[in-house]
Amino acid sequence: MKGLIIDNILQYELPFADGNKDIWTPNVKIQNPLAKIEIISWDSSLLIVMSEIVDIIDMLHNDYPKASDLVKYKSQL
């Protein structure tokens, strides 16, 4: 993102997936509050994409129609 300063980004804990139980909570959110998108490659069998930019999610869903909404997926567990 234009104008973002690395020192501002590093004020927050670095995002992580392995062992992060927050990914599986009902109110999952992007880990760094300055980020607009987060991509998690999970065990080469799952790709989790979260974004505040709805067009990105729509584009991925159009290109990958079998993709699941993480919130809906978790509610079915």
C-alpha atoms as a PDB file:
ATOM      1  CA  MET A   1       0.000   0.000   0.000  1.00  0.00           C
ATOM      2  CA  LYS A   2       1.364   3.350  -1.005  1.00  0.00           C
ATOM      3  CA  GLY A   3       2.581   5.497   1.877  1.00  0.00           C
ATOM      4  CA  LEU A   4       2.891   2.663   4.387  1.00  0.00           C
ATOM      5  CA  ILE A   5       6.031   2.825   6.503  1.00  0.00           C
ATOM      6  CA  ILE A   6       7.699  -0.427   7.581  1.00  0.00           C
ATOM      7  CA  ASP A   7       8.143   0.860  11.151  1.00  0.00           C
ATOM      8  CA  ASN A   8       4.372   1.310  11.405  1.00  0.00           C
ATOM      9  CA  ILE A   9       3.778  -2.233  10.175  1.00  0.00           C
ATOM     10  CA  LEU A  10       6.306  -3.719  12.587  1.00  0.00           C
ATOM     11  CA  GLN A  11       4.577  -2.123  15.586  1.00  0.00           C
ATOM     12  CA  TYR A  12       2.327  -5.176  15.464  1.00  0.00           C
ATOM     13  CA  GLU A  13       3.132  -8.854  15.937  1.00  0.00           C
ATOM     14  CA  LEU A  14       4.025 -10.601  12.693  1.00  0.00           C
ATOM     15  CA  PRO A  15       1.125 -12.669  11.337  1.00  0.00           C
ATOM     16  CA  PHE A  16       1.338 -16.439  11.716  1.00  0.00           C
ATOM     17  CA  ALA A  17      -0.854 -19.432  10.904  1.00  0.00           C
ATOM     18  CA  ASP A  18       0.725 -22.465  12.555  1.00  0.00           C
ATOM     19  CA  GLY A  19      -0.776 -22.693  16.025  1.00  0.00           C
ATOM     20  CA  ASN A  20      -2.952 -19.612  15.546  1.00  0.00           C
ATOM     21  CA  LYS A  21      -6.310 -20.621  17.014  1.00  0.00           C
ATOM     22  CA  ASP A  22      -7.828 -17.238  16.068  1.00  0.00           C
ATOM     23  CA  ILE A  23      -8.045 -18.386  12.440  1.00  0.00           C
ATOM     24  CA  TRP A  24     -10.734 -20.865  13.482  1.00  0.00           C
ATOM     25  CA  THR A  25     -12.796 -18.532  15.697  1.00  0.00           C
ATOM     26  CA  PRO A  26     -16.163 -17.234  14.457  1.00  0.00           C
ATOM     27  CA  ASN A  27     -14.874 -13.661  14.145  1.00  0.00           C
ATOM     28  CA  VAL A  28     -11.719 -14.345  12.144  1.00  0.00           C
ATOM     29  CA  LYS A  29      -9.990 -11.172  10.968  1.00  0.00           C
ATOM     30  CA  ILE A  30      -6.821 -10.008   9.280  1.00  0.00           C
ATOM     31  CA  GLN A  31      -4.035 -10.159  11.850  1.00  0.00           C
ATOM     32  CA  ASN A  32      -2.261  -6.854  11.122  1.00  0.00           C
ATOM     33  CA  PRO A  33      -4.720  -3.959  11.410  1.00  0.00           C
ATOM     34  CA  LEU A  34      -2.870  -2.057   8.667  1.00  0.00           C
ATOM     35  CA  ALA A  35      -3.275  -4.896   6.138  1.00  0.00           C
ATOM     36  CA  LYS A  36      -6.043  -5.049   3.554  1.00  0.00           C
ATOM     37  CA  ILE A  37      -5.448  -8.689   2.586  1.00  0.00           C
ATOM     38  CA  GLU A  38      -4.062 -11.800   4.262  1.00  0.00           C
ATOM     39  CA  ILE A  39      -3.175 -15.033   2.465  1.00  0.00           C
ATOM     40  CA  ILE A  40      -2.489 -18.254   4.360  1.00  0.00           C
ATOM     41  CA  SER A  41      -1.260 -21.361   2.596  1.00  0.00           C
ATOM     42  CA  TRP A  42      -2.316 -24.141   4.940  1.00  0.00           C
ATOM     43  CA  ASP A  43      -0.533 -27.481   4.625  1.00  0.00           C
ATOM     44  CA  SER A  44      -0.622 -27.284   0.797  1.00  0.00           C
ATOM     45  CA  SER A  45      -4.241 -28.442   0.918  1.00  0.00           C
ATOM     46  CA  LEU A  46      -5.991 -25.201   1.817  1.00  0.00           C
ATOM     47  CA  LEU A  47      -5.603 -21.575   0.869  1.00  0.00           C
ATOM     48  CA  ILE A  48      -7.226 -19.012   3.140  1.00  0.00           C
ATOM     49  CA  VAL A  49      -7.696 -15.514   1.751  1.00  0.00           C
ATOM     50  CA  MET A  50      -9.151 -12.700   3.799  1.00  0.00           C
ATOM     51  CA  SER A  51      -9.558  -9.216   2.411  1.00  0.00           C
ATOM     52  CA  GLU A  52     -11.308  -5.974   3.133  1.00  0.00           C
ATOM     53  CA  ILE A  53     -11.362  -5.478  -0.635  1.00  0.00           C
ATOM     54  CA  VAL A  54     -14.535  -7.291  -1.671  1.00  0.00           C
ATOM     55  CA  ASP A  55     -13.541  -7.309  -5.354  1.00  0.00           C
ATOM     56  CA  ILE A  56     -10.573  -9.571  -4.561  1.00  0.00           C
ATOM     57  CA  ILE A  57     -12.780 -12.113  -2.811  1.00  0.00           C
ATOM     58  CA  ASP A  58     -15.368 -11.949  -5.610  1.00  0.00           C
ATOM     59  CA  MET A  59     -12.667 -12.450  -8.241  1.00  0.00           C
ATOM     60  CA  LEU A  60     -11.245 -15.486  -6.422  1.00  0.00           C
ATOM     61  CA  HIS A  61     -14.702 -16.941  -5.940  1.00  0.00           C
ATOM     62  CA  ASN A  62     -15.489 -16.497  -9.648  1.00  0.00           C
ATOM     63  CA  ASP A  63     -12.197 -18.118 -10.676  1.00  0.00           C
ATOM     64  CA  TYR A  64     -12.532 -20.908  -8.104  1.00  0.00           C
ATOM     65  CA  PRO A  65     -16.248 -21.706  -7.806  1.00  0.00           C
ATOM     66  CA  LYS A  66     -15.599 -24.599  -5.397  1.00  0.00           C
ATOM     67  CA  ALA A  67     -14.040 -22.169  -2.924  1.00  0.00           C
ATOM     68  CA  SER A  68     -15.748 -21.935   0.435  1.00  0.00           C
ATOM     69  CA  ASP A  69     -16.474 -18.956   2.602  1.00  0.00           C
ATOM     70  CA  LEU A  70     -14.444 -19.525   5.790  1.00  0.00           C
ATOM     71  CA  VAL A  71     -17.118 -18.084   8.062  1.00  0.00           C
ATOM     72  CA  LYS A  72     -19.807 -20.325   6.533  1.00  0.00           C
ATOM     73  CA  TYR A  73     -17.452 -23.318   6.568  1.00  0.00           C
ATOM     74  CA  LYS A  74     -16.714 -22.872  10.269  1.00  0.00           C
ATOM     75  CA  SER A  75     -20.395 -22.514  11.117  1.00  0.00           C
ATOM     76  CA  GLN A  76     -21.029 -25.963   9.610  1.00  0.00           C
ATOM     77  CA  LEU A  77     -18.425 -27.678  11.816  1.00  0.00           C
END
